[in-house]
């Protein structure tokens, strides 16, 4: 959710940051793509010494869904509520 166009998220980076295995993350990403919340695009250019990466990005619908989920369950995402000094 914190990725940007300058610093996009790819599968293994998401696995590392979420502290989850690829067998958990990739099926979730597939379901999010099927729901229209995430798009995937292929790395362009050279990538010597490693496989090509696929980058994942939240769609507008996905950003809205993530925002709403964060409002309903802020603790689930490690966020503080507004009453606790967290942002909205």
PDB file of N, CA and C in Angstrom:
ATOM      1  N   UNK A   1       0.818  -1.190   0.000  1.00  0.00           N
ATOM      2  CA  UNK A   1       0.000   0.000   0.000  1.00  0.00           C
ATOM      3  C   UNK A   1       0.861   1.252   0.000  1.00  0.00           C
ATOM      4  N   UNK A   2       2.104   1.129   0.405  1.00  0.00           N
ATOM      5  CA  UNK A   2       2.966   2.302   0.480  1.00  0.00           C
ATOM      6  C   UNK A   2       3.806   2.486  -0.775  1.00  0.00           C
ATOM      7  N   UNK A   3       3.627   1.657  -1.785  1.00  0.00           N
ATOM      8  CA  UNK A   3       4.452   1.772  -2.984  1.00  0.00           C
ATOM      9  C   UNK A   3       4.046   3.000  -3.787  1.00  0.00           C
ATOM     10  N   UNK A   4       4.990   3.485  -4.578  1.00  0.00           N
ATOM     11  CA  UNK A   4       4.763   4.630  -5.443  1.00  0.00           C
ATOM     12  C   UNK A   4       5.254   4.274  -6.837  1.00  0.00           C
ATOM     13  N   UNK A   5       4.984   5.121  -7.807  1.00  0.00           N
ATOM     14  CA  UNK A   5       5.464   4.847  -9.160  1.00  0.00           C
ATOM     15  C   UNK A   5       6.990   4.885  -9.211  1.00  0.00           C
ATOM     16  N   UNK A   6       7.614   5.653  -8.326  1.00  0.00           N
ATOM     17  CA  UNK A   6       9.078   5.699  -8.254  1.00  0.00           C
ATOM     18  C   UNK A   6       9.660   4.500  -7.513  1.00  0.00           C
ATOM     19  N   UNK A   7       8.868   3.893  -6.660  1.00  0.00           N
ATOM     20  CA  UNK A   7       9.307   2.758  -5.852  1.00  0.00           C
ATOM     21  C   UNK A   7       8.196   1.710  -5.835  1.00  0.00           C
ATOM     22  N   UNK A   8       7.975   1.049  -6.985  1.00  0.00           N
ATOM     23  CA  UNK A   8       6.848   0.115  -7.071  1.00  0.00           C
ATOM     24  C   UNK A   8       7.078  -1.162  -6.265  1.00  0.00           C
ATOM     25  N   UNK A   9       5.977  -1.822  -5.955  1.00  0.00           N
ATOM     26  CA  UNK A   9       6.031  -3.077  -5.199  1.00  0.00           C
ATOM     27  C   UNK A   9       6.030  -4.247  -6.167  1.00  0.00           C
ATOM     28  N   UNK A  10       6.899  -5.218  -5.914  1.00  0.00           N
ATOM     29  CA  UNK A  10       6.881  -6.460  -6.685  1.00  0.00           C
ATOM     30  C   UNK A  10       6.675  -7.599  -5.706  1.00  0.00           C
ATOM     31  N   UNK A  11       6.344  -8.759  -6.236  1.00  0.00           N
ATOM     32  CA  UNK A  11       5.932  -9.886  -5.416  1.00  0.00           C
ATOM     33  C   UNK A  11       6.814 -10.200  -4.227  1.00  0.00           C
ATOM     34  N   UNK A  12       8.100 -10.430  -4.463  1.00  0.00           N
ATOM     35  CA  UNK A  12       8.973 -10.827  -3.347  1.00  0.00           C
ATOM     36  C   UNK A  12       9.196  -9.694  -2.348  1.00  0.00           C
ATOM     37  N   UNK A  13       9.168  -8.455  -2.822  1.00  0.00           N
ATOM     38  CA  UNK A  13       9.274  -7.315  -1.908  1.00  0.00           C
ATOM     39  C   UNK A  13       8.056  -7.292  -0.984  1.00  0.00           C
ATOM     40  N   UNK A  14       6.877  -7.549  -1.555  1.00  0.00           N
ATOM     41  CA  UNK A  14       5.658  -7.595  -0.750  1.00  0.00           C
ATOM     42  C   UNK A  14       5.752  -8.721   0.274  1.00  0.00           C
ATOM     43  N   UNK A  15       6.258  -9.891  -0.149  1.00  0.00           N
ATOM     44  CA  UNK A  15       6.432 -11.019   0.774  1.00  0.00           C
ATOM     45  C   UNK A  15       7.316 -10.629   1.945  1.00  0.00           C
ATOM     46  N   UNK A  16       8.441  -9.988   1.656  1.00  0.00           N
ATOM     47  CA  UNK A  16       9.384  -9.592   2.706  1.00  0.00           C
ATOM     48  C   UNK A  16       8.768  -8.565   3.645  1.00  0.00           C
ATOM     49  N   UNK A  17       8.124  -7.545   3.091  1.00  0.00           N
ATOM     50  CA  UNK A  17       7.557  -6.483   3.926  1.00  0.00           C
ATOM     51  C   UNK A  17       6.385  -6.979   4.764  1.00  0.00           C
ATOM     52  N   UNK A  18       5.627  -7.930   4.234  1.00  0.00           N
ATOM     53  CA  UNK A  18       4.483  -8.470   4.970  1.00  0.00           C
ATOM     54  C   UNK A  18       4.879  -9.621   5.883  1.00  0.00           C
ATOM     55  N   UNK A  19       6.116 -10.082   5.748  1.00  0.00           N
ATOM     56  CA  UNK A  19       6.606 -11.239   6.491  1.00  0.00           C
ATOM     57  C   UNK A  19       5.706 -12.456   6.260  1.00  0.00           C
ATOM     58  N   UNK A  20       5.375 -12.659   4.967  1.00  0.00           N
ATOM     59  CA  UNK A  20       4.550 -13.789   4.551  1.00  0.00           C
ATOM     60  C   UNK A  20       5.228 -14.505   3.406  1.00  0.00           C
ATOM     61  N   UNK A  21       4.959 -15.765   3.254  1.00  0.00           N
ATOM     62  CA  UNK A  21       5.537 -16.546   2.179  1.00  0.00           C
ATOM     63  C   UNK A  21       4.854 -16.291   0.847  1.00  0.00           C
ATOM     64  N   UNK A  22       5.532 -16.647  -0.222  1.00  0.00           N
ATOM     65  CA  UNK A  22       4.983 -16.437  -1.559  1.00  0.00           C
ATOM     66  C   UNK A  22       3.712 -17.255  -1.785  1.00  0.00           C
ATOM     67  N   UNK A  23       3.599 -18.398  -1.131  1.00  0.00           N
ATOM     68  CA  UNK A  23       2.405 -19.219  -1.255  1.00  0.00           C
ATOM     69  C   UNK A  23       1.175 -18.578  -0.640  1.00  0.00           C
ATOM     70  N   UNK A  24       1.383 -17.565   0.182  1.00  0.00           N
ATOM     71  CA  UNK A  24       0.290 -16.785   0.757  1.00  0.00           C
ATOM     72  C   UNK A  24       0.059 -15.516  -0.057  1.00  0.00           C
ATOM     73  N   UNK A  25       1.135 -14.813  -0.380  1.00  0.00           N
ATOM     74  CA  UNK A  25       1.032 -13.495  -1.015  1.00  0.00           C
ATOM     75  C   UNK A  25       0.515 -13.580  -2.451  1.00  0.00           C
ATOM     76  N   UNK A  26       1.072 -14.462  -3.253  1.00  0.00           N
ATOM     77  CA  UNK A  26       0.669 -14.500  -4.666  1.00  0.00           C
ATOM     78  C   UNK A  26      -0.805 -14.859  -4.867  1.00  0.00           C
ATOM     79  N   UNK A  27      -1.365 -15.816  -4.131  1.00  0.00           N
ATOM     80  CA  UNK A  27      -2.813 -16.056  -4.270  1.00  0.00           C
ATOM     81  C   UNK A  27      -3.653 -14.841  -3.852  1.00  0.00           C
ATOM     82  N   UNK A  28      -3.205 -14.128  -2.830  1.00  0.00           N
ATOM     83  CA  UNK A  28      -3.918 -12.915  -2.415  1.00  0.00           C
ATOM     84  C   UNK A  28      -3.855 -11.874  -3.532  1.00  0.00           C
ATOM     85  N   UNK A  29      -2.678 -11.682  -4.115  1.00  0.00           N
ATOM     86  CA  UNK A  29      -2.540 -10.724  -5.211  1.00  0.00           C
ATOM     87  C   UNK A  29      -3.437 -11.108  -6.388  1.00  0.00           C
ATOM     88  N   UNK A  30      -3.514 -12.394  -6.693  1.00  0.00           N
ATOM     89  CA  UNK A  30      -4.387 -12.853  -7.781  1.00  0.00           C
ATOM     90  C   UNK A  30      -5.846 -12.511  -7.490  1.00  0.00           C
ATOM     91  N   UNK A  31      -6.282 -12.750  -6.249  1.00  0.00           N
ATOM     92  CA  UNK A  31      -7.670 -12.436  -5.887  1.00  0.00           C
ATOM     93  C   UNK A  31      -7.924 -10.929  -5.945  1.00  0.00           C
ATOM     94  N   UNK A  32      -6.951 -10.140  -5.517  1.00  0.00           N
ATOM     95  CA  UNK A  32      -7.097  -8.687  -5.577  1.00  0.00           C
ATOM     96  C   UNK A  32      -7.173  -8.202  -7.030  1.00  0.00           C
ATOM     97  N   UNK A  33      -6.401  -8.826  -7.920  1.00  0.00           N
ATOM     98  CA  UNK A  33      -6.482  -8.479  -9.341  1.00  0.00           C
ATOM     99  C   UNK A  33      -7.844  -8.867  -9.901  1.00  0.00           C
ATOM    100  N   UNK A  34      -8.334 -10.056  -9.552  1.00  0.00           N
ATOM    101  CA  UNK A  34      -9.650 -10.505 -10.019  1.00  0.00           C
ATOM    102  C   UNK A  34     -10.757  -9.556  -9.555  1.00  0.00           C
ATOM    103  N   UNK A  35     -10.595  -8.987  -8.369  1.00  0.00           N
ATOM    104  CA  UNK A  35     -11.589  -8.058  -7.819  1.00  0.00           C
ATOM    105  C   UNK A  35     -11.453  -6.656  -8.408  1.00  0.00           C
ATOM    106  N   UNK A  36     -10.362  -6.402  -9.150  1.00  0.00           N
ATOM    107  CA  UNK A  36     -10.146  -5.083  -9.730  1.00  0.00           C
ATOM    108  C   UNK A  36      -9.500  -4.101  -8.780  1.00  0.00           C
ATOM    109  N   UNK A  37      -8.946  -4.589  -7.678  1.00  0.00           N
ATOM    110  CA  UNK A  37      -8.325  -3.712  -6.685  1.00  0.00           C
ATOM    111  C   UNK A  37      -6.848  -3.481  -6.959  1.00  0.00           C
ATOM    112  N   UNK A  38      -6.229  -4.374  -7.715  1.00  0.00           N
ATOM    113  CA  UNK A  38      -4.789  -4.309  -7.990  1.00  0.00           C
ATOM    114  C   UNK A  38      -4.568  -4.581  -9.472  1.00  0.00           C
ATOM    115  N   UNK A  39      -3.604  -3.878 -10.036  1.00  0.00           N
ATOM    116  CA  UNK A  39      -3.159  -4.178 -11.394  1.00  0.00           C
ATOM    117  C   UNK A  39      -1.719  -4.677 -11.321  1.00  0.00           C
ATOM    118  N   UNK A  40      -1.321  -5.390 -12.354  1.00  0.00           N
ATOM    119  CA  UNK A  40       0.041  -5.922 -12.428  1.00  0.00           C
ATOM    120  C   UNK A  40       0.619  -5.517 -13.777  1.00  0.00           C
ATOM    121  N   UNK A  41       1.880  -5.099 -13.754  1.00  0.00           N
ATOM    122  CA  UNK A  41       2.547  -4.798 -15.016  1.00  0.00           C
ATOM    123  C   UNK A  41       3.970  -5.320 -14.972  1.00  0.00           C
ATOM    124  N   UNK A  42       4.468  -5.602 -16.147  1.00  0.00           N
ATOM    125  CA  UNK A  42       5.777  -6.234 -16.314  1.00  0.00           C
ATOM    126  C   UNK A  42       6.898  -5.201 -16.292  1.00  0.00           C
ATOM    127  N   UNK A  43       8.002  -5.588 -15.688  1.00  0.00           N
ATOM    128  CA  UNK A  43       9.196  -4.744 -15.670  1.00  0.00           C
ATOM    129  C   UNK A  43       9.687  -4.516 -17.098  1.00  0.00           C
ATOM    130  N   UNK A  44      10.070  -3.304 -17.381  1.00  0.00           N
ATOM    131  CA  UNK A  44      10.620  -2.968 -18.692  1.00  0.00           C
ATOM    132  C   UNK A  44      12.136  -2.819 -18.558  1.00  0.00           C
ATOM    133  N   UNK A  45      12.827  -3.021 -19.624  1.00  0.00           N
ATOM    134  CA  UNK A  45      14.269  -2.823 -19.620  1.00  0.00           C
ATOM    135  C   UNK A  45      15.032  -4.038 -19.150  1.00  0.00           C
ATOM    136  N   UNK A  46      16.326  -3.817 -18.956  1.00  0.00           N
ATOM    137  CA  UNK A  46      17.243  -4.893 -18.566  1.00  0.00           C
ATOM    138  C   UNK A  46      17.063  -5.271 -17.103  1.00  0.00           C
ATOM    139  N   UNK A  47      17.269  -6.523 -16.839  1.00  0.00           N
ATOM    140  CA  UNK A  47      17.226  -7.053 -15.472  1.00  0.00           C
ATOM    141  C   UNK A  47      18.222  -8.206 -15.396  1.00  0.00           C
ATOM    142  N   UNK A  48      19.504  -7.906 -15.638  1.00  0.00           N
ATOM    143  CA  UNK A  48      20.517  -8.968 -15.690  1.00  0.00           C
ATOM    144  C   UNK A  48      20.665  -9.706 -14.365  1.00  0.00           C
ATOM    145  N   UNK A  49      20.806 -11.010 -14.482  1.00  0.00           N
ATOM    146  CA  UNK A  49      21.093 -11.831 -13.304  1.00  0.00           C
ATOM    147  C   UNK A  49      19.891 -12.193 -12.458  1.00  0.00           C
ATOM    148  N   UNK A  50      18.697 -11.819 -12.893  1.00  0.00           N
ATOM    149  CA  UNK A  50      17.499 -12.180 -12.138  1.00  0.00           C
ATOM    150  C   UNK A  50      16.309 -12.226 -13.090  1.00  0.00           C
ATOM    151  N   UNK A  51      15.264 -12.913 -12.673  1.00  0.00           N
ATOM    152  CA  UNK A  51      14.060 -12.956 -13.509  1.00  0.00           C
ATOM    153  C   UNK A  51      13.393 -11.582 -13.593  1.00  0.00           C
ATOM    154  N   UNK A  52      12.616 -11.393 -14.612  1.00  0.00           N
ATOM    155  CA  UNK A  52      11.834 -10.171 -14.781  1.00  0.00           C
ATOM    156  C   UNK A  52      10.848 -10.045 -13.621  1.00  0.00           C
ATOM    157  N   UNK A  53      10.652  -8.832 -13.133  1.00  0.00           N
ATOM    158  CA  UNK A  53       9.712  -8.585 -12.047  1.00  0.00           C
ATOM    159  C   UNK A  53       8.351  -8.189 -12.599  1.00  0.00           C
ATOM    160  N   UNK A  54       7.335  -8.494 -11.818  1.00  0.00           N
ATOM    161  CA  UNK A  54       5.997  -7.997 -12.074  1.00  0.00           C
ATOM    162  C   UNK A  54       5.666  -7.061 -10.924  1.00  0.00           C
ATOM    163  N   UNK A  55       5.275  -5.842 -11.272  1.00  0.00           N
ATOM    164  CA  UNK A  55       4.950  -4.827 -10.278  1.00  0.00           C
ATOM    165  C   UNK A  55       3.445  -4.802 -10.044  1.00  0.00           C
ATOM    166  N   UNK A  56       3.065  -4.501  -8.812  1.00  0.00           N
ATOM    167  CA  UNK A  56       1.661  -4.467  -8.415  1.00  0.00           C
ATOM    168  C   UNK A  56       1.328  -3.075  -7.914  1.00  0.00           C
ATOM    169  N   UNK A  57       0.149  -2.604  -8.305  1.00  0.00           N
ATOM    170  CA  UNK A  57      -0.277  -1.258  -7.938  1.00  0.00           C
ATOM    171  C   UNK A  57      -1.763  -1.279  -7.618  1.00  0.00           C
ATOM    172  N   UNK A  58      -2.141  -0.587  -6.544  1.00  0.00           N
ATOM    173  CA  UNK A  58      -3.554  -0.473  -6.211  1.00  0.00           C
ATOM    174  C   UNK A  58      -4.256   0.383  -7.258  1.00  0.00           C
ATOM    175  N   UNK A  59      -5.442  -0.029  -7.642  1.00  0.00           N
ATOM    176  CA  UNK A  59      -6.280   0.781  -8.513  1.00  0.00           C
ATOM    177  C   UNK A  59      -7.005   1.812  -7.647  1.00  0.00           C
ATOM    178  N   UNK A  60      -7.748   2.711  -8.261  1.00  0.00           N
ATOM    179  CA  UNK A  60      -8.537   3.681  -7.498  1.00  0.00           C
ATOM    180  C   UNK A  60      -9.540   2.948  -6.599  1.00  0.00           C
ATOM    181  N   UNK A  61     -10.152   1.901  -7.129  1.00  0.00           N
ATOM    182  CA  UNK A  61     -11.101   1.103  -6.344  1.00  0.00           C
ATOM    183  C   UNK A  61     -10.372   0.430  -5.182  1.00  0.00           C
ATOM    184  N   UNK A  62      -9.178  -0.081  -5.436  1.00  0.00           N
ATOM    185  CA  UNK A  62      -8.381  -0.723  -4.396  1.00  0.00           C
ATOM    186  C   UNK A  62      -7.950   0.246  -3.310  1.00  0.00           C
ATOM    187  N   UNK A  63      -7.559   1.461  -3.711  1.00  0.00           N
ATOM    188  CA  UNK A  63      -7.177   2.480  -2.713  1.00  0.00           C
ATOM    189  C   UNK A  63      -8.372   2.828  -1.830  1.00  0.00           C
ATOM    190  N   UNK A  64      -9.541   2.963  -2.443  1.00  0.00           N
ATOM    191  CA  UNK A  64     -10.752   3.272  -1.671  1.00  0.00           C
ATOM    192  C   UNK A  64     -11.081   2.134  -0.715  1.00  0.00           C
ATOM    193  N   UNK A  65     -10.998   0.896  -1.192  1.00  0.00           N
ATOM    194  CA  UNK A  65     -11.285  -0.263  -0.340  1.00  0.00           C
ATOM    195  C   UNK A  65     -10.289  -0.348   0.813  1.00  0.00           C
ATOM    196  N   UNK A  66      -9.023  -0.081   0.541  1.00  0.00           N
ATOM    197  CA  UNK A  66      -8.001  -0.109   1.597  1.00  0.00           C
ATOM    198  C   UNK A  66      -8.263   0.986   2.622  1.00  0.00           C
ATOM    199  N   UNK A  67      -8.644   2.150   2.153  1.00  0.00           N
ATOM    200  CA  UNK A  67      -8.957   3.258   3.062  1.00  0.00           C
ATOM    201  C   UNK A  67     -10.137   2.893   3.967  1.00  0.00           C
ATOM    202  N   UNK A  68     -11.192   2.355   3.346  1.00  0.00           N
ATOM    203  CA  UNK A  68     -12.375   1.972   4.126  1.00  0.00           C
ATOM    204  C   UNK A  68     -12.048   0.872   5.124  1.00  0.00           C
ATOM    205  N   UNK A  69     -11.244  -0.096   4.724  1.00  0.00           N
ATOM    206  CA  UNK A  69     -10.851  -1.173   5.638  1.00  0.00           C
ATOM    207  C   UNK A  69     -10.043  -0.611   6.798  1.00  0.00           C
ATOM    208  N   UNK A  70      -9.170   0.333   6.508  1.00  0.00           N
ATOM    209  CA  UNK A  70      -8.377   0.962   7.563  1.00  0.00           C
ATOM    210  C   UNK A  70      -9.230   1.743   8.541  1.00  0.00           C
ATOM    211  N   UNK A  71     -10.316   2.331   8.051  1.00  0.00           N
ATOM    212  CA  UNK A  71     -11.233   3.063   8.928  1.00  0.00           C
ATOM    213  C   UNK A  71     -12.011   2.105   9.830  1.00  0.00           C
ATOM    214  N   UNK A  72     -12.376   0.946   9.285  1.00  0.00           N
ATOM    215  CA  UNK A  72     -13.154  -0.036  10.065  1.00  0.00           C
ATOM    216  C   UNK A  72     -12.289  -0.777  11.070  1.00  0.00           C
ATOM    217  N   UNK A  73     -11.081  -1.146  10.658  1.00  0.00           N
ATOM    218  CA  UNK A  73     -10.210  -1.977  11.481  1.00  0.00           C
ATOM    219  C   UNK A  73      -8.807  -1.386  11.536  1.00  0.00           C
ATOM    220  N   UNK A  74      -8.630  -0.225  12.155  1.00  0.00           N
ATOM    221  CA  UNK A  74      -7.299   0.389  12.155  1.00  0.00           C
ATOM    222  C   UNK A  74      -6.229  -0.481  12.813  1.00  0.00           C
ATOM    223  N   UNK A  75      -6.573  -1.221  13.823  1.00  0.00           N
ATOM    224  CA  UNK A  75      -5.577  -2.071  14.503  1.00  0.00           C
ATOM    225  C   UNK A  75      -5.093  -3.201  13.599  1.00  0.00           C
ATOM    226  N   UNK A  76      -5.943  -3.666  12.712  1.00  0.00           N
ATOM    227  CA  UNK A  76      -5.567  -4.726  11.794  1.00  0.00           C
ATOM    228  C   UNK A  76      -4.384  -4.315  10.938  1.00  0.00           C
ATOM    229  N   UNK A  77      -4.305  -3.027  10.624  1.00  0.00           N
ATOM    230  CA  UNK A  77      -3.244  -2.524   9.768  1.00  0.00           C
ATOM    231  C   UNK A  77      -2.145  -1.820  10.564  1.00  0.00           C
ATOM    232  N   UNK A  78      -2.171  -1.925  11.889  1.00  0.00           N
ATOM    233  CA  UNK A  78      -1.157  -1.293  12.720  1.00  0.00           C
ATOM    234  C   UNK A  78      -1.287   0.209  12.755  1.00  0.00           C
ATOM    235  N   UNK A  79      -2.483   0.714  12.488  1.00  0.00           N
ATOM    236  CA  UNK A  79      -2.716   2.155  12.479  1.00  0.00           C
ATOM    237  C   UNK A  79      -3.329   2.580  13.794  1.00  0.00           C
ATOM    238  N   UNK A  80      -3.079   3.825  14.133  1.00  0.00           N
ATOM    239  CA  UNK A  80      -3.726   4.379  15.321  1.00  0.00           C
ATOM    240  C   UNK A  80      -5.023   5.048  14.905  1.00  0.00           C
ATOM    241  N   UNK A  81      -6.011   5.009  15.776  1.00  0.00           N
ATOM    242  CA  UNK A  81      -7.265   5.697  15.496  1.00  0.00           C
ATOM    243  C   UNK A  81      -7.054   7.195  15.668  1.00  0.00           C
ATOM    244  N   UNK A  82      -7.984   7.995  15.156  1.00  0.00           N
ATOM    245  CA  UNK A  82      -7.888   9.447  15.281  1.00  0.00           C
ATOM    246  C   UNK A  82      -7.839   9.843  16.755  1.00  0.00           C
ATOM    247  N   UNK A  83      -8.607   9.155  17.601  1.00  0.00           N
ATOM    248  CA  UNK A  83      -8.612   9.454  19.030  1.00  0.00           C
ATOM    249  C   UNK A  83      -7.241   9.209  19.674  1.00  0.00           C
ATOM    250  N   UNK A  84      -6.459   8.312  19.067  1.00  0.00           N
ATOM    251  CA  UNK A  84      -5.133   8.004  19.593  1.00  0.00           C
ATOM    252  C   UNK A  84      -4.038   8.872  18.955  1.00  0.00           C
ATOM    253  N   UNK A  85      -4.457   9.828  18.140  1.00  0.00           N
ATOM    254  CA  UNK A  85      -3.483  10.712  17.505  1.00  0.00           C
ATOM    255  C   UNK A  85      -3.085  10.279  16.104  1.00  0.00           C
ATOM    256  N   UNK A  86      -3.800   9.321  15.536  1.00  0.00           N
ATOM    257  CA  UNK A  86      -3.510   8.880  14.172  1.00  0.00           C
ATOM    258  C   UNK A  86      -4.206   9.754  13.165  1.00  0.00           C
ATOM    259  N   UNK A  87      -3.704   9.737  11.935  1.00  0.00           N
ATOM    260  CA  UNK A  87      -4.319  10.525  10.865  1.00  0.00           C
ATOM    261  C   UNK A  87      -5.549   9.842  10.328  1.00  0.00           C
ATOM    262  N   UNK A  88      -6.337  10.591   9.563  1.00  0.00           N
ATOM    263  CA  UNK A  88      -7.538  10.007   8.970  1.00  0.00           C
ATOM    264  C   UNK A  88      -7.327   9.623   7.543  1.00  0.00           C
TER     265      UNK A  88
END
